[in-house]
Amino acid sequence: MAQQTINIGTAPNDNTGDPLRTGMTKVNANFTENYTTLAAQATTNSNQATTNASQTSTNTTVAN
């Protein structure tokens, strides 16, 4: 989804911008997209860290 920009009109109180409910719907949609993206990135980073840790412990050789 692309960023949803709130139409603020051309002048204060000129009734050319988005109504309050429409504006807040756009705000909610933008935040939902951001949180969803961040959560997906955090999961990917966590999975990558786990994979890297497993590979490091598997590839480590102890010398006697």
N, C-alpha and C. Protein backbone atom coordinates (compact mmCIF):
# COMPACT_ATOMS: atom_id res chain seq x y z
N MET A 1 0.85 -1.18 0.00
CA MET A 1 0.00 0.00 0.00
C MET A 1 0.90 1.24 0.00
N ALA A 2 0.53 2.21 -0.74
CA ALA A 2 1.25 3.48 -0.75
C ALA A 2 0.81 4.34 0.43
N GLN A 3 1.68 5.27 0.79
CA GLN A 3 1.35 6.19 1.87
C GLN A 3 0.08 6.96 1.51
N GLN A 4 -0.80 7.10 2.48
CA GLN A 4 -2.03 7.86 2.28
C GLN A 4 -1.85 9.25 2.88
N THR A 5 -1.90 10.27 2.06
CA THR A 5 -1.72 11.64 2.50
C THR A 5 -3.07 12.26 2.84
N ILE A 6 -3.11 12.96 3.96
CA ILE A 6 -4.34 13.62 4.38
C ILE A 6 -4.45 14.96 3.66
N ASN A 7 -5.55 15.18 2.98
CA ASN A 7 -5.80 16.45 2.30
C ASN A 7 -6.20 17.47 3.37
N ILE A 8 -5.34 18.48 3.57
CA ILE A 8 -5.62 19.48 4.61
C ILE A 8 -6.33 20.71 4.06
N GLY A 9 -6.66 20.72 2.78
CA GLY A 9 -7.36 21.86 2.18
C GLY A 9 -6.39 22.97 1.82
N THR A 10 -6.94 24.05 1.31
CA THR A 10 -6.09 25.16 0.88
C THR A 10 -6.00 26.26 1.92
N ALA A 11 -6.99 26.35 2.78
CA ALA A 11 -7.00 27.36 3.85
C ALA A 11 -7.72 26.76 5.06
N PRO A 12 -7.43 27.26 6.27
CA PRO A 12 -8.13 26.74 7.44
C PRO A 12 -9.65 26.88 7.32
N ASN A 13 -10.34 25.81 7.67
CA ASN A 13 -11.81 25.80 7.71
C ASN A 13 -12.49 26.17 6.39
N ASP A 14 -11.84 25.79 5.26
CA ASP A 14 -12.47 26.10 3.97
C ASP A 14 -13.27 24.93 3.41
N ASN A 15 -13.34 23.82 4.17
CA ASN A 15 -14.10 22.63 3.79
C ASN A 15 -13.63 21.97 2.50
N THR A 16 -12.35 22.14 2.16
CA THR A 16 -11.82 21.48 0.96
C THR A 16 -10.93 20.30 1.31
N GLY A 17 -10.60 20.11 2.58
CA GLY A 17 -9.76 18.99 3.00
C GLY A 17 -10.58 17.77 3.36
N ASP A 18 -9.86 16.71 3.77
CA ASP A 18 -10.53 15.49 4.20
C ASP A 18 -11.31 15.74 5.49
N PRO A 19 -12.49 15.12 5.63
CA PRO A 19 -13.19 15.17 6.91
C PRO A 19 -12.36 14.46 7.99
N LEU A 20 -12.61 14.77 9.25
CA LEU A 20 -11.84 14.21 10.35
C LEU A 20 -11.80 12.68 10.30
N ARG A 21 -12.93 12.05 10.11
CA ARG A 21 -12.97 10.58 10.10
C ARG A 21 -12.12 10.01 8.97
N THR A 22 -12.17 10.61 7.80
CA THR A 22 -11.37 10.15 6.66
C THR A 22 -9.89 10.32 6.96
N GLY A 23 -9.53 11.46 7.52
CA GLY A 23 -8.13 11.72 7.87
C GLY A 23 -7.60 10.72 8.87
N MET A 24 -8.39 10.43 9.90
CA MET A 24 -7.94 9.48 10.93
C MET A 24 -7.90 8.05 10.39
N THR A 25 -8.77 7.72 9.43
CA THR A 25 -8.72 6.41 8.78
C THR A 25 -7.40 6.26 8.03
N LYS A 26 -6.97 7.32 7.37
CA LYS A 26 -5.68 7.31 6.67
C LYS A 26 -4.52 7.18 7.65
N VAL A 27 -4.61 7.87 8.78
CA VAL A 27 -3.56 7.76 9.80
C VAL A 27 -3.46 6.32 10.29
N ASN A 28 -4.60 5.72 10.62
CA ASN A 28 -4.61 4.33 11.09
C ASN A 28 -4.02 3.39 10.04
N ALA A 29 -4.38 3.57 8.80
CA ALA A 29 -3.87 2.71 7.73
C ALA A 29 -2.35 2.85 7.60
N ASN A 30 -1.85 4.08 7.70
CA ASN A 30 -0.41 4.30 7.60
C ASN A 30 0.33 3.64 8.76
N PHE A 31 -0.18 3.78 9.98
CA PHE A 31 0.45 3.16 11.14
C PHE A 31 0.39 1.64 11.06
N THR A 32 -0.73 1.09 10.62
CA THR A 32 -0.86 -0.35 10.49
C THR A 32 0.18 -0.89 9.51
N GLU A 33 0.36 -0.20 8.41
CA GLU A 33 1.36 -0.63 7.43
C GLU A 33 2.76 -0.58 8.03
N ASN A 34 3.06 0.49 8.76
CA ASN A 34 4.39 0.62 9.37
C ASN A 34 4.64 -0.49 10.39
N TYR A 35 3.70 -0.73 11.27
CA TYR A 35 3.87 -1.77 12.28
C TYR A 35 3.97 -3.16 11.65
N THR A 36 3.20 -3.42 10.62
CA THR A 36 3.27 -4.70 9.93
C THR A 36 4.64 -4.90 9.30
N THR A 37 5.16 -3.86 8.67
CA THR A 37 6.48 -3.93 8.04
C THR A 37 7.56 -4.13 9.08
N LEU A 38 7.50 -3.39 10.18
CA LEU A 38 8.50 -3.53 11.23
C LEU A 38 8.46 -4.91 11.87
N ALA A 39 7.28 -5.44 12.09
CA ALA A 39 7.15 -6.77 12.68
C ALA A 39 7.75 -7.83 11.75
N ALA A 40 7.50 -7.69 10.46
CA ALA A 40 8.05 -8.64 9.50
C ALA A 40 9.58 -8.56 9.47
N GLN A 41 10.12 -7.36 9.54
CA GLN A 41 11.57 -7.18 9.56
C GLN A 41 12.18 -7.75 10.83
N ALA A 42 11.52 -7.55 11.96
CA ALA A 42 12.02 -8.07 13.23
C ALA A 42 12.04 -9.59 13.20
N THR A 43 11.01 -10.20 12.63
CA THR A 43 10.96 -11.66 12.53
C THR A 43 12.08 -12.16 11.63
N THR A 44 12.29 -11.49 10.52
CA THR A 44 13.36 -11.87 9.59
C THR A 44 14.72 -11.74 10.27
N ASN A 45 14.94 -10.64 10.99
CA ASN A 45 16.22 -10.43 11.68
C ASN A 45 16.42 -11.47 12.78
N SER A 46 15.37 -11.81 13.50
CA SER A 46 15.46 -12.81 14.55
C SER A 46 15.79 -14.18 13.97
N ASN A 47 15.13 -14.53 12.88
CA ASN A 47 15.40 -15.81 12.22
C ASN A 47 16.83 -15.86 11.69
N GLN A 48 17.31 -14.75 11.16
CA GLN A 48 18.67 -14.70 10.63
C GLN A 48 19.68 -14.83 11.76
N ALA A 49 19.42 -14.19 12.91
CA ALA A 49 20.32 -14.28 14.05
C ALA A 49 20.38 -15.72 14.57
N THR A 50 19.24 -16.38 14.61
CA THR A 50 19.20 -17.78 15.05
C THR A 50 19.99 -18.67 14.10
N THR A 51 19.81 -18.44 12.81
CA THR A 51 20.53 -19.21 11.80
C THR A 51 22.03 -18.98 11.93
N ASN A 52 22.44 -17.73 12.10
CA ASN A 52 23.86 -17.41 12.23
C ASN A 52 24.45 -18.05 13.48
N ALA A 53 23.71 -18.02 14.59
CA ALA A 53 24.20 -18.63 15.83
C ALA A 53 24.36 -20.13 15.67
N SER A 54 23.43 -20.78 14.98
CA SER A 54 23.51 -22.22 14.74
C SER A 54 24.72 -22.55 13.87
N GLN A 55 24.94 -21.76 12.85
CA GLN A 55 26.06 -22.00 11.96
C GLN A 55 27.38 -21.80 12.69
N THR A 56 27.46 -20.80 13.55
CA THR A 56 28.68 -20.52 14.29
C THR A 56 29.00 -21.67 15.23
N SER A 57 28.00 -22.17 15.96
CA SER A 57 28.26 -23.26 16.90
C SER A 57 28.56 -24.56 16.16
N THR A 58 28.01 -24.75 14.99
CA THR A 58 28.26 -25.96 14.20
C THR A 58 29.67 -25.93 13.61
N ASN A 59 30.15 -24.76 13.24
CA ASN A 59 31.43 -24.64 12.56
C ASN A 59 32.61 -24.44 13.52
N THR A 60 32.38 -24.38 14.81
CA THR A 60 33.43 -24.12 15.77
C THR A 60 34.15 -25.43 16.09
N THR A 61 35.49 -25.41 16.03
CA THR A 61 36.29 -26.57 16.35
C THR A 61 37.09 -26.25 17.61
N VAL A 62 37.09 -27.17 18.55
CA VAL A 62 37.83 -26.98 19.79
C VAL A 62 39.15 -27.73 19.66
N ALA A 63 40.26 -27.01 19.85
CA ALA A 63 41.59 -27.64 19.77
C ALA A 63 42.00 -28.12 21.15
N ASN A 64 42.62 -29.29 21.21
CA ASN A 64 43.12 -29.84 22.48
C ASN A 64 44.60 -29.65 22.59
